[in-house]
Amino acid sequence: MNILRSTGDDSLAKVYIAEFGSGKVVEFVESLQPPIPREKKWVLIVSTLFGCPVSCPICDAGGFYKGKLSKDEILAQIDYIVGRRFPDGFISIEKFKIQFARMGDPAFNTNVLDVLEELPDKYNAPGLMPCISTVAPSGTSRFFDRLLEIKQKLYSGKFQMQFSIHSTNPEERDKLIPVKKWSFSDIAEYGKRFFRAGDRKIALNFALAESSVIEPDVLQRFFDPNLFMIKITPVNPTYNSVKNGIKSNIFADHNNNELVDSLKCAGYDTLISIGELKENEIGSNCGQYVMRYLQNPVPLANAYIFNLPSSPEELTAVSSKEAE
């Protein structure tokens, strides 16, 4: 793995761009959640695919696809960040979260499961908590069946499962996630198999756009509040979300009590998760793919990426030493 470039702030988030040969480039991220210090919570977000076969209109990682990362290529991202902070392999973090959610849906790559099986032996990390974030693509049942077995064997009570669904309206959900995927009934049935006493509730994630629909009665029809919780995030200012005119309906300075209250009245634990605005400048927020900005010379209003090379050629000319 060759680190081409890093950008960001050690006190908040850093994005690393790496090449694995033959022009195959990925991003991975480490981030904090101020004011929580690193010793309390540290999050790594790694890529599982070279690009993504799904072209979600709010995400910049789609539109091209060059295959799956191997187990060693996924682990190399984790090794690199861990090695910078904890060279002895002892990660003394209360909540050490590794999220498989940067480039590509992890359910497309069974090598992710091999990584999950290896992590507990590879690192001395008492606070290790993996996170799978997925749109639940069709044809991936074997991935999810094996994931369930691994969670029960290695991560009981220390695993975060998240399904990104974005809307309770089927037509809108299809527009935001343009791939054949599990129905709500499929997700609900899997949730019943996956959840065990002591586990964290399974998150249903909504990146809330101005046109988004969240109907509590639809959720109640499928998802047991004892098993599922609701996580609401903004539509981040990615290149594609700006280009497609998809604006967020959740902001840090807005009062979202009405929506939260309606979901809580329906019985759901509800979390509104809004990152620091500076993360948009760094490009570390969900859906932001730094290389996309380098590949398109036309600037877009509200598309935030600063202090990066002006071209892909300039990027690949940066050595690993310079990136440090």
C-alpha atoms as a PDB file:
ATOM      1  CA  MET A   1       0.000   0.000   0.000  1.00  0.00           C
ATOM      2  CA  ASN A   2       1.368   3.391  -1.020  1.00  0.00           C
ATOM      3  CA  ILE A   3       0.005   6.432   0.808  1.00  0.00           C
ATOM      4  CA  LEU A   4      -0.416   9.134  -1.806  1.00  0.00           C
ATOM      5  CA  ARG A   5      -1.794  11.896   0.331  1.00  0.00           C
ATOM      6  CA  SER A   6      -3.375  12.714   3.662  1.00  0.00           C
ATOM      7  CA  THR A   7      -5.452  15.708   4.589  1.00  0.00           C
ATOM      8  CA  GLY A   8      -7.206  16.820   7.724  1.00  0.00           C
ATOM      9  CA  ASP A   9      -6.704  17.616  11.363  1.00  0.00           C
ATOM     10  CA  ASP A  10      -5.432  15.272  14.083  1.00  0.00           C
ATOM     11  CA  SER A  11      -7.831  16.862  16.546  1.00  0.00           C
ATOM     12  CA  LEU A  12     -10.879  15.968  14.413  1.00  0.00           C
ATOM     13  CA  ALA A  13     -10.402  13.776  11.337  1.00  0.00           C
ATOM     14  CA  LYS A  14      -7.880  12.753   8.721  1.00  0.00           C
ATOM     15  CA  VAL A  15      -8.462  11.272   5.262  1.00  0.00           C
ATOM     16  CA  TYR A  16      -5.783   9.065   3.732  1.00  0.00           C
ATOM     17  CA  ILE A  17      -5.603   8.299   0.008  1.00  0.00           C
ATOM     18  CA  ALA A  18      -3.758   5.106  -0.854  1.00  0.00           C
ATOM     19  CA  GLU A  19      -2.884   3.165  -3.990  1.00  0.00           C
ATOM     20  CA  PHE A  20      -2.649  -0.615  -4.213  1.00  0.00           C
ATOM     21  CA  GLY A  21      -1.108  -0.774  -7.675  1.00  0.00           C
ATOM     22  CA  SER A  22      -2.545  -0.648 -11.206  1.00  0.00           C
ATOM     23  CA  GLY A  23      -4.175   2.684 -10.408  1.00  0.00           C
ATOM     24  CA  LYS A  24      -6.459   1.189  -7.756  1.00  0.00           C
ATOM     25  CA  VAL A  25      -7.012   3.977  -5.239  1.00  0.00           C
ATOM     26  CA  VAL A  26      -9.010   4.021  -2.011  1.00  0.00           C
ATOM     27  CA  GLU A  27      -9.656   6.330   0.896  1.00  0.00           C
ATOM     28  CA  PHE A  28      -9.779   5.610   4.594  1.00  0.00           C
ATOM     29  CA  VAL A  29     -10.434   7.831   7.582  1.00  0.00           C
ATOM     30  CA  GLU A  30      -9.714   8.219  11.271  1.00  0.00           C
ATOM     31  CA  SER A  31     -11.907  10.538  13.282  1.00  0.00           C
ATOM     32  CA  LEU A  32     -12.761  11.822  16.729  1.00  0.00           C
ATOM     33  CA  GLN A  33     -16.001  13.174  18.155  1.00  0.00           C
ATOM     34  CA  PRO A  34     -15.165  16.385  20.042  1.00  0.00           C
ATOM     35  CA  PRO A  35     -15.245  16.976  22.933  1.00  0.00           C
ATOM     36  CA  ILE A  36     -14.775  13.214  23.509  1.00  0.00           C
ATOM     37  CA  PRO A  37     -11.010  12.550  23.695  1.00  0.00           C
ATOM     38  CA  ARG A  38      -9.279   9.843  21.679  1.00  0.00           C
ATOM     39  CA  GLU A  39      -8.768   7.631  24.717  1.00  0.00           C
ATOM     40  CA  LYS A  40     -12.566   7.466  25.069  1.00  0.00           C
ATOM     41  CA  LYS A  41     -13.595   7.033  21.411  1.00  0.00           C
ATOM     42  CA  TRP A  42     -11.689   6.569  18.175  1.00  0.00           C
ATOM     43  CA  VAL A  43     -13.292   5.725  14.829  1.00  0.00           C
ATOM     44  CA  LEU A  44     -11.646   4.226  11.750  1.00  0.00           C
ATOM     45  CA  ILE A  45     -13.595   4.129   8.479  1.00  0.00           C
ATOM     46  CA  VAL A  46     -12.137   1.842   5.831  1.00  0.00           C
ATOM     47  CA  SER A  47     -12.869   1.030   2.196  1.00  0.00           C
ATOM     48  CA  THR A  48     -13.889  -2.433   1.047  1.00  0.00           C
ATOM     49  CA  LEU A  49     -14.204  -1.895  -2.727  1.00  0.00           C
ATOM     50  CA  PHE A  50     -12.234  -0.004  -5.349  1.00  0.00           C
ATOM     51  CA  GLY A  51     -15.084   2.360  -6.132  1.00  0.00           C
ATOM     52  CA  CYS A  52     -18.645   1.093  -5.929  1.00  0.00           C
ATOM     53  CA  PRO A  53     -21.044  -0.567  -8.401  1.00  0.00           C
ATOM     54  CA  VAL A  54     -23.942   1.435  -6.935  1.00  0.00           C
ATOM     55  CA  SER A  55     -24.297   5.067  -8.000  1.00  0.00           C
ATOM     56  CA  CYS A  56     -26.211   6.617  -5.117  1.00  0.00           C
ATOM     57  CA  PRO A  57     -26.952  10.281  -5.978  1.00  0.00           C
ATOM     58  CA  ILE A  58     -25.714  11.530  -2.582  1.00  0.00           C
ATOM     59  CA  CYS A  59     -22.418   9.607  -2.549  1.00  0.00           C
ATOM     60  CA  ASP A  60     -19.224  10.265  -4.498  1.00  0.00           C
ATOM     61  CA  ALA A  61     -17.753   6.750  -4.348  1.00  0.00           C
ATOM     62  CA  GLY A  62     -19.979   5.292  -7.091  1.00  0.00           C
ATOM     63  CA  GLY A  63     -19.839   5.607 -10.842  1.00  0.00           C
ATOM     64  CA  PHE A  64     -16.835   3.336 -11.300  1.00  0.00           C
ATOM     65  CA  TYR A  65     -15.822  -0.035  -9.917  1.00  0.00           C
ATOM     66  CA  LYS A  66     -12.460  -1.825 -10.075  1.00  0.00           C
ATOM     67  CA  GLY A  67     -13.088  -4.804  -7.847  1.00  0.00           C
ATOM     68  CA  LYS A  68     -12.890  -5.958  -4.258  1.00  0.00           C
ATOM     69  CA  LEU A  69     -10.139  -5.325  -1.761  1.00  0.00           C
ATOM     70  CA  SER A  70      -8.482  -8.449  -0.413  1.00  0.00           C
ATOM     71  CA  LYS A  71      -8.396  -9.234   3.297  1.00  0.00           C
ATOM     72  CA  ASP A  72      -4.813  -7.965   3.472  1.00  0.00           C
ATOM     73  CA  GLU A  73      -5.686  -4.757   1.615  1.00  0.00           C
ATOM     74  CA  ILE A  74      -8.480  -3.989   4.070  1.00  0.00           C
ATOM     75  CA  LEU A  75      -6.234  -4.788   7.024  1.00  0.00           C
ATOM     76  CA  ALA A  76      -3.471  -2.589   5.576  1.00  0.00           C
ATOM     77  CA  GLN A  77      -5.690   0.472   6.016  1.00  0.00           C
ATOM     78  CA  ILE A  78      -6.308  -0.387   9.663  1.00  0.00           C
ATOM     79  CA  ASP A  79      -2.648  -1.296  10.246  1.00  0.00           C
ATOM     80  CA  TYR A  80      -1.476   2.025   8.868  1.00  0.00           C
ATOM     81  CA  ILE A  81      -3.603   4.164  11.165  1.00  0.00           C
ATOM     82  CA  VAL A  82      -3.086   1.962  14.221  1.00  0.00           C
ATOM     83  CA  GLY A  83       0.664   1.925  13.592  1.00  0.00           C
ATOM     84  CA  ARG A  84       0.816   5.716  13.658  1.00  0.00           C
ATOM     85  CA  ARG A  85      -0.942   5.955  17.041  1.00  0.00           C
ATOM     86  CA  PHE A  86      -0.318   2.613  18.754  1.00  0.00           C
ATOM     87  CA  PRO A  87       2.822   1.009  17.284  1.00  0.00           C
ATOM     88  CA  ASP A  88       2.861  -1.731  19.941  1.00  0.00           C
ATOM     89  CA  GLY A  89      -0.623  -2.905  18.892  1.00  0.00           C
ATOM     90  CA  PHE A  90      -2.176  -2.202  22.295  1.00  0.00           C
ATOM     91  CA  ILE A  91      -5.140   0.086  21.672  1.00  0.00           C
ATOM     92  CA  SER A  92      -6.202   1.466  25.034  1.00  0.00           C
ATOM     93  CA  ILE A  93      -9.418   3.056  23.789  1.00  0.00           C
ATOM     94  CA  GLU A  94     -12.753   2.600  25.563  1.00  0.00           C
ATOM     95  CA  LYS A  95     -14.632   2.532  22.249  1.00  0.00           C
ATOM     96  CA  PHE A  96     -12.457   1.595  19.273  1.00  0.00           C
ATOM     97  CA  LYS A  97     -14.870   1.551  16.349  1.00  0.00           C
ATOM     98  CA  ILE A  98     -13.908   0.181  12.938  1.00  0.00           C
ATOM     99  CA  GLN A  99     -16.551   1.039  10.375  1.00  0.00           C
ATOM    100  CA  PHE A 100     -16.587  -0.720   6.996  1.00  0.00           C
ATOM    101  CA  ALA A 101     -18.276   2.098   5.147  1.00  0.00           C
ATOM    102  CA  ARG A 102     -15.944   4.386   3.193  1.00  0.00           C
ATOM    103  CA  MET A 103     -15.838   3.227  -0.436  1.00  0.00           C
ATOM    104  CA  GLY A 104     -18.175   0.393  -1.389  1.00  0.00           C
ATOM    105  CA  ASP A 105     -20.909  -1.530   0.371  1.00  0.00           C
ATOM    106  CA  PRO A 106     -19.200  -4.190   2.529  1.00  0.00           C
ATOM    107  CA  ALA A 107     -21.883  -6.776   1.755  1.00  0.00           C
ATOM    108  CA  PHE A 108     -20.415  -7.089  -1.758  1.00  0.00           C
ATOM    109  CA  ASN A 109     -17.101  -8.344  -0.348  1.00  0.00           C
ATOM    110  CA  THR A 110     -16.847 -11.513   1.754  1.00  0.00           C
ATOM    111  CA  ASN A 111     -13.207 -10.636   2.522  1.00  0.00           C
ATOM    112  CA  VAL A 112     -14.679  -8.241   5.091  1.00  0.00           C
ATOM    113  CA  LEU A 113     -15.818 -11.286   7.044  1.00  0.00           C
ATOM    114  CA  ASP A 114     -12.286 -12.698   7.069  1.00  0.00           C
ATOM    115  CA  VAL A 115     -11.093  -9.370   8.489  1.00  0.00           C
ATOM    116  CA  LEU A 116     -13.729  -9.488  11.222  1.00  0.00           C
ATOM    117  CA  GLU A 117     -12.587 -12.971  12.210  1.00  0.00           C
ATOM    118  CA  GLU A 118      -8.947 -11.876  12.419  1.00  0.00           C
ATOM    119  CA  LEU A 119      -9.276  -8.540  14.240  1.00  0.00           C
ATOM    120  CA  PRO A 120      -9.653  -9.833  17.844  1.00  0.00           C
ATOM    121  CA  ASP A 121      -6.390 -11.799  17.580  1.00  0.00           C
ATOM    122  CA  LYS A 122      -4.524  -9.168  15.588  1.00  0.00           C
ATOM    123  CA  TYR A 123      -4.907  -6.308  18.075  1.00  0.00           C
ATOM    124  CA  ASN A 124      -5.005  -6.024  21.830  1.00  0.00           C
ATOM    125  CA  ALA A 125      -8.059  -3.797  21.790  1.00  0.00           C
ATOM    126  CA  PRO A 126     -10.543  -4.344  24.643  1.00  0.00           C
ATOM    127  CA  GLY A 127     -12.840  -1.630  23.266  1.00  0.00           C
ATOM    128  CA  LEU A 128     -13.021  -3.008  19.722  1.00  0.00           C
ATOM    129  CA  MET A 129     -16.442  -2.504  18.124  1.00  0.00           C
ATOM    130  CA  PRO A 130     -16.830  -3.252  14.400  1.00  0.00           C
ATOM    131  CA  CYS A 131     -19.607  -1.600  12.399  1.00  0.00           C
ATOM    132  CA  ILE A 132     -21.159  -2.833   9.176  1.00  0.00           C
ATOM    133  CA  SER A 133     -23.083  -0.152   7.313  1.00  0.00           C
ATOM    134  CA  THR A 134     -24.987  -1.476   4.305  1.00  0.00           C
ATOM    135  CA  VAL A 135     -27.904  -0.877   1.958  1.00  0.00           C
ATOM    136  CA  ALA A 136     -28.544  -4.664   2.026  1.00  0.00           C
ATOM    137  CA  PRO A 137     -28.043  -5.459  -1.665  1.00  0.00           C
ATOM    138  CA  SER A 138     -29.934  -8.429  -3.062  1.00  0.00           C
ATOM    139  CA  GLY A 139     -27.934 -11.603  -3.598  1.00  0.00           C
ATOM    140  CA  THR A 140     -25.803 -11.171  -0.475  1.00  0.00           C
ATOM    141  CA  SER A 141     -27.608 -13.551   1.885  1.00  0.00           C
ATOM    142  CA  ARG A 142     -24.520 -15.721   2.385  1.00  0.00           C
ATOM    143  CA  PHE A 143     -22.582 -12.665   3.551  1.00  0.00           C
ATOM    144  CA  PHE A 144     -25.224 -11.814   6.135  1.00  0.00           C
ATOM    145  CA  ASP A 145     -25.617 -15.412   7.323  1.00  0.00           C
ATOM    146  CA  ARG A 146     -21.896 -15.710   8.000  1.00  0.00           C
ATOM    147  CA  LEU A 147     -21.806 -12.224   9.536  1.00  0.00           C
ATOM    148  CA  LEU A 148     -24.437 -13.334  12.045  1.00  0.00           C
ATOM    149  CA  GLU A 149     -22.307 -16.337  13.017  1.00  0.00           C
ATOM    150  CA  ILE A 150     -19.186 -14.183  13.454  1.00  0.00           C
ATOM    151  CA  LYS A 151     -21.017 -11.606  15.544  1.00  0.00           C
ATOM    152  CA  GLN A 152     -22.425 -14.228  17.877  1.00  0.00           C
ATOM    153  CA  LYS A 153     -19.046 -15.947  18.240  1.00  0.00           C
ATOM    154  CA  LEU A 154     -16.714 -12.943  18.590  1.00  0.00           C
ATOM    155  CA  TYR A 155     -18.623  -9.708  19.162  1.00  0.00           C
ATOM    156  CA  SER A 156     -21.605 -10.359  21.410  1.00  0.00           C
ATOM    157  CA  GLY A 157     -22.738  -6.966  22.698  1.00  0.00           C
ATOM    158  CA  LYS A 158     -19.882  -5.216  20.835  1.00  0.00           C
ATOM    159  CA  PHE A 159     -21.100  -4.891  17.269  1.00  0.00           C
ATOM    160  CA  GLN A 160     -22.922  -2.105  15.468  1.00  0.00           C
ATOM    161  CA  MET A 161     -25.190  -3.139  12.611  1.00  0.00           C
ATOM    162  CA  GLN A 162     -26.621  -0.397  10.418  1.00  0.00           C
ATOM    163  CA  PHE A 163     -28.962  -0.548   7.441  1.00  0.00           C
ATOM    164  CA  SER A 164     -29.108   2.620   5.351  1.00  0.00           C
ATOM    165  CA  ILE A 165     -32.654   2.982   4.044  1.00  0.00           C
ATOM    166  CA  HIS A 166     -33.045   6.810   3.781  1.00  0.00           C
ATOM    167  CA  SER A 167     -36.811   6.828   3.204  1.00  0.00           C
ATOM    168  CA  THR A 168     -39.943   4.890   4.109  1.00  0.00           C
ATOM    169  CA  ASN A 169     -41.325   5.682   0.651  1.00  0.00           C
ATOM    170  CA  PRO A 170     -40.353   2.848  -1.752  1.00  0.00           C
ATOM    171  CA  GLU A 171     -40.009   5.078  -4.821  1.00  0.00           C
ATOM    172  CA  GLU A 172     -37.836   7.600  -3.028  1.00  0.00           C
ATOM    173  CA  ARG A 173     -35.754   4.840  -1.464  1.00  0.00           C
ATOM    174  CA  ASP A 174     -35.128   3.419  -4.946  1.00  0.00           C
ATOM    175  CA  LYS A 175     -33.998   6.821  -6.227  1.00  0.00           C
ATOM    176  CA  LEU A 176     -31.589   7.319  -3.354  1.00  0.00           C
ATOM    177  CA  ILE A 177     -30.337   3.700  -3.463  1.00  0.00           C
ATOM    178  CA  PRO A 178     -30.510   2.659  -7.156  1.00  0.00           C
ATOM    179  CA  VAL A 179     -29.758  -1.050  -6.751  1.00  0.00           C
ATOM    180  CA  LYS A 180     -31.870  -4.154  -6.173  1.00  0.00           C
ATOM    181  CA  LYS A 181     -32.001  -4.599  -2.410  1.00  0.00           C
ATOM    182  CA  TRP A 182     -33.721  -6.276   0.494  1.00  0.00           C
ATOM    183  CA  SER A 183     -37.268  -5.255   1.281  1.00  0.00           C
ATOM    184  CA  PHE A 184     -38.167  -3.867   4.696  1.00  0.00           C
ATOM    185  CA  SER A 185     -39.577  -7.305   5.497  1.00  0.00           C
ATOM    186  CA  ASP A 186     -36.240  -8.914   4.626  1.00  0.00           C
ATOM    187  CA  ILE A 187     -34.313  -6.500   6.866  1.00  0.00           C
ATOM    188  CA  ALA A 188     -36.802  -6.965   9.696  1.00  0.00           C
ATOM    189  CA  GLU A 189     -36.569 -10.754   9.528  1.00  0.00           C
ATOM    190  CA  TYR A 190     -32.783 -10.644   9.524  1.00  0.00           C
ATOM    191  CA  GLY A 191     -32.872  -8.281  12.495  1.00  0.00           C
ATOM    192  CA  LYS A 192     -34.874 -10.835  14.471  1.00  0.00           C
ATOM    193  CA  ARG A 193     -32.185 -13.437  13.807  1.00  0.00           C
ATOM    194  CA  PHE A 194     -29.277 -11.065  14.399  1.00  0.00           C
ATOM    195  CA  PHE A 195     -30.276  -9.410  17.668  1.00  0.00           C
ATOM    196  CA  ARG A 196     -29.550 -11.096  20.988  1.00  0.00           C
ATOM    197  CA  ALA A 197     -30.025  -9.877  24.554  1.00  0.00           C
ATOM    198  CA  GLY A 198     -27.198  -7.501  25.400  1.00  0.00           C
ATOM    199  CA  ASP A 199     -26.594  -6.459  21.781  1.00  0.00           C
ATOM    200  CA  ARG A 200     -26.753  -2.886  20.575  1.00  0.00           C
ATOM    201  CA  LYS A 201     -29.971  -2.158  18.716  1.00  0.00           C
ATOM    202  CA  ILE A 202     -29.762  -2.359  14.930  1.00  0.00           C
ATOM    203  CA  ALA A 203     -29.679   1.124  13.402  1.00  0.00           C
ATOM    204  CA  LEU A 204     -31.927   2.212  10.546  1.00  0.00           C
ATOM    205  CA  ASN A 205     -30.084   5.147   9.000  1.00  0.00           C
ATOM    206  CA  PHE A 206     -31.799   8.018   7.217  1.00  0.00           C
ATOM    207  CA  ALA A 207     -29.609  10.586   5.448  1.00  0.00           C
ATOM    208  CA  LEU A 208     -32.404  13.121   5.530  1.00  0.00           C
ATOM    209  CA  ALA A 209     -32.944  15.212   2.396  1.00  0.00           C
ATOM    210  CA  GLU A 210     -35.540  17.965   1.987  1.00  0.00           C
ATOM    211  CA  SER A 211     -37.805  15.530   0.125  1.00  0.00           C
ATOM    212  CA  SER A 212     -37.228  12.593   2.486  1.00  0.00           C
ATOM    213  CA  VAL A 213     -40.171  10.740   3.979  1.00  0.00           C
ATOM    214  CA  ILE A 214     -40.022   9.079   7.398  1.00  0.00           C
ATOM    215  CA  GLU A 215     -43.399   7.652   8.357  1.00  0.00           C
ATOM    216  CA  PRO A 216     -43.452   6.197  11.884  1.00  0.00           C
ATOM    217  CA  ASP A 217     -46.454   4.010  11.076  1.00  0.00           C
ATOM    218  CA  VAL A 218     -44.556   2.380   8.186  1.00  0.00           C
ATOM    219  CA  LEU A 219     -41.596   1.718  10.465  1.00  0.00           C
ATOM    220  CA  GLN A 220     -43.870   0.208  13.099  1.00  0.00           C
ATOM    221  CA  ARG A 221     -45.358  -2.101  10.505  1.00  0.00           C
ATOM    222  CA  PHE A 222     -41.975  -3.757   9.932  1.00  0.00           C
ATOM    223  CA  PHE A 223     -39.416  -2.903  12.594  1.00  0.00           C
ATOM    224  CA  ASP A 224     -39.699  -3.871  16.250  1.00  0.00           C
ATOM    225  CA  PRO A 225     -38.542  -0.925  18.422  1.00  0.00           C
ATOM    226  CA  ASN A 226     -37.074  -3.461  20.820  1.00  0.00           C
ATOM    227  CA  LEU A 227     -34.619  -4.510  18.095  1.00  0.00           C
ATOM    228  CA  PHE A 228     -34.223  -1.414  15.929  1.00  0.00           C
ATOM    229  CA  MET A 229     -33.354   2.229  16.559  1.00  0.00           C
ATOM    230  CA  ILE A 230     -33.421   5.247  14.227  1.00  0.00           C
ATOM    231  CA  LYS A 231     -30.323   7.198  13.265  1.00  0.00           C
ATOM    232  CA  ILE A 232     -30.787  10.439  11.343  1.00  0.00           C
ATOM    233  CA  THR A 233     -27.856  12.081   9.592  1.00  0.00           C
ATOM    234  CA  PRO A 234     -27.522  15.028   7.193  1.00  0.00           C
ATOM    235  CA  VAL A 235     -27.086  14.751   3.458  1.00  0.00           C
ATOM    236  CA  ASN A 236     -23.473  15.847   3.346  1.00  0.00           C
ATOM    237  CA  PRO A 237     -22.283  18.302   0.667  1.00  0.00           C
ATOM    238  CA  THR A 238     -20.745  15.719  -1.629  1.00  0.00           C
ATOM    239  CA  TYR A 239     -20.012  16.492  -5.252  1.00  0.00           C
ATOM    240  CA  ASN A 240     -22.955  14.349  -6.375  1.00  0.00           C
ATOM    241  CA  SER A 241     -25.478  15.640  -3.831  1.00  0.00           C
ATOM    242  CA  VAL A 242     -24.717  19.201  -4.922  1.00  0.00           C
ATOM    243  CA  LYS A 243     -24.782  18.282  -8.623  1.00  0.00           C
ATOM    244  CA  ASN A 244     -28.104  16.472  -8.192  1.00  0.00           C
ATOM    245  CA  GLY A 245     -29.668  19.270  -6.164  1.00  0.00           C
ATOM    246  CA  ILE A 246     -30.241  17.078  -3.094  1.00  0.00           C
ATOM    247  CA  LYS A 247     -30.171  19.262  -0.002  1.00  0.00           C
ATOM    248  CA  SER A 248     -30.080  18.215   3.613  1.00  0.00           C
ATOM    249  CA  ASN A 249     -33.082  18.705   5.855  1.00  0.00           C
ATOM    250  CA  ILE A 250     -31.025  18.311   9.042  1.00  0.00           C
ATOM    251  CA  PHE A 251     -28.682  21.016  10.305  1.00  0.00           C
ATOM    252  CA  ALA A 252     -26.931  21.635  13.593  1.00  0.00           C
ATOM    253  CA  ASP A 253     -28.762  24.917  14.155  1.00  0.00           C
ATOM    254  CA  HIS A 254     -32.256  23.630  13.299  1.00  0.00           C
ATOM    255  CA  ASN A 255     -34.832  22.382  15.761  1.00  0.00           C
ATOM    256  CA  ASN A 256     -35.695  18.798  14.875  1.00  0.00           C
ATOM    257  CA  ASN A 257     -37.788  18.051  17.939  1.00  0.00           C
ATOM    258  CA  GLU A 258     -41.006  17.393  16.012  1.00  0.00           C
ATOM    259  CA  LEU A 259     -39.470  14.597  13.956  1.00  0.00           C
ATOM    260  CA  VAL A 260     -37.666  13.090  16.936  1.00  0.00           C
ATOM    261  CA  ASP A 261     -40.769  13.280  19.096  1.00  0.00           C
ATOM    262  CA  SER A 262     -42.876  11.484  16.466  1.00  0.00           C
ATOM    263  CA  LEU A 263     -40.347   8.654  16.271  1.00  0.00           C
ATOM    264  CA  LYS A 264     -40.010   8.409  20.030  1.00  0.00           C
ATOM    265  CA  CYS A 265     -43.791   8.311  20.370  1.00  0.00           C
ATOM    266  CA  ALA A 266     -43.704   5.346  17.999  1.00  0.00           C
ATOM    267  CA  GLY A 267     -41.356   3.646  20.473  1.00  0.00           C
ATOM    268  CA  TYR A 268     -37.996   4.147  18.756  1.00  0.00           C
ATOM    269  CA  ASP A 269     -34.746   5.236  20.329  1.00  0.00           C
ATOM    270  CA  THR A 270     -33.737   8.071  18.007  1.00  0.00           C
ATOM    271  CA  LEU A 271     -30.363   9.678  17.422  1.00  0.00           C
ATOM    272  CA  ILE A 272     -29.606  12.729  15.304  1.00  0.00           C
ATOM    273  CA  SER A 273     -25.941  12.488  14.342  1.00  0.00           C
ATOM    274  CA  ILE A 274     -24.431  15.661  12.908  1.00  0.00           C
ATOM    275  CA  GLY A 275     -20.679  15.844  12.442  1.00  0.00           C
ATOM    276  CA  GLU A 276     -18.516  18.913  12.802  1.00  0.00           C
ATOM    277  CA  LEU A 277     -18.842  21.309   9.844  1.00  0.00           C
ATOM    278  CA  LYS A 278     -15.065  21.256   9.492  1.00  0.00           C
ATOM    279  CA  GLU A 279     -15.372  17.591   8.463  1.00  0.00           C
ATOM    280  CA  ASN A 280     -16.961  18.788   5.222  1.00  0.00           C
ATOM    281  CA  GLU A 281     -13.823  20.827   4.537  1.00  0.00           C
ATOM    282  CA  ILE A 282     -11.632  17.837   5.311  1.00  0.00           C
ATOM    283  CA  GLY A 283     -13.849  15.512   3.265  1.00  0.00           C
ATOM    284  CA  SER A 284     -14.179  12.928   6.037  1.00  0.00           C
ATOM    285  CA  ASN A 285     -17.972  12.899   6.282  1.00  0.00           C
ATOM    286  CA  CYS A 286     -19.991  10.021   4.921  1.00  0.00           C
ATOM    287  CA  GLY A 287     -20.261   9.896   1.130  1.00  0.00           C
ATOM    288  CA  GLN A 288     -17.431  12.315   0.482  1.00  0.00           C
ATOM    289  CA  TYR A 289     -14.837  10.955  -1.878  1.00  0.00           C
ATOM    290  CA  VAL A 290     -11.853  13.264  -2.211  1.00  0.00           C
ATOM    291  CA  MET A 291     -10.650  11.822  -5.522  1.00  0.00           C
ATOM    292  CA  ARG A 292     -13.942  12.787  -7.144  1.00  0.00           C
ATOM    293  CA  TYR A 293     -13.081  16.442  -6.672  1.00  0.00           C
ATOM    294  CA  LEU A 294      -9.699  15.935  -8.261  1.00  0.00           C
ATOM    295  CA  GLN A 295     -11.182  14.189 -11.292  1.00  0.00           C
ATOM    296  CA  ASN A 296     -13.595  17.013 -12.143  1.00  0.00           C
ATOM    297  CA  PRO A 297     -12.144  20.492 -12.754  1.00  0.00           C
ATOM    298  CA  VAL A 298     -15.489  22.284 -12.529  1.00  0.00           C
ATOM    299  CA  PRO A 299     -16.007  23.783  -9.044  1.00  0.00           C
ATOM    300  CA  LEU A 300     -19.436  23.486  -7.473  1.00  0.00           C
ATOM    301  CA  ALA A 301     -20.907  25.841  -4.894  1.00  0.00           C
ATOM    302  CA  ASN A 302     -21.018  24.277  -1.431  1.00  0.00           C
ATOM    303  CA  ALA A 303     -18.668  21.437  -2.429  1.00  0.00           C
ATOM    304  CA  TYR A 304     -16.012  21.565   0.243  1.00  0.00           C
ATOM    305  CA  ILE A 305     -12.528  20.168  -0.319  1.00  0.00           C
ATOM    306  CA  PHE A 306      -9.533  22.344   0.490  1.00  0.00           C
ATOM    307  CA  ASN A 307      -5.741  22.056   0.475  1.00  0.00           C
ATOM    308  CA  LEU A 308      -5.660  19.178  -2.002  1.00  0.00           C
ATOM    309  CA  PRO A 309      -3.603  18.819  -5.199  1.00  0.00           C
ATOM    310  CA  SER A 310      -5.079  20.430  -8.268  1.00  0.00           C
ATOM    311  CA  SER A 311      -5.052  17.275 -10.393  1.00  0.00           C
ATOM    312  CA  PRO A 312      -4.840  13.488 -10.154  1.00  0.00           C
ATOM    313  CA  GLU A 313      -1.358  13.704 -11.662  1.00  0.00           C
ATOM    314  CA  GLU A 314      -0.206  16.015  -8.883  1.00  0.00           C
ATOM    315  CA  LEU A 315      -1.770  13.701  -6.335  1.00  0.00           C
ATOM    316  CA  THR A 316       0.033  10.595  -7.540  1.00  0.00           C
ATOM    317  CA  ALA A 317       3.322  12.526  -7.566  1.00  0.00           C
ATOM    318  CA  VAL A 318       3.127  13.002  -3.801  1.00  0.00           C
ATOM    319  CA  SER A 319       5.320  10.491  -2.007  1.00  0.00           C
ATOM    320  CA  SER A 320       4.480   8.610   1.151  1.00  0.00           C
ATOM    321  CA  LYS A 321       7.142  10.566   2.971  1.00  0.00           C
ATOM    322  CA  GLU A 322       5.627  13.881   1.968  1.00  0.00           C
ATOM    323  CA  ALA A 323       2.189  12.657   3.051  1.00  0.00           C
ATOM    324  CA  GLU A 324       3.529  12.056   6.546  1.00  0.00           C
END
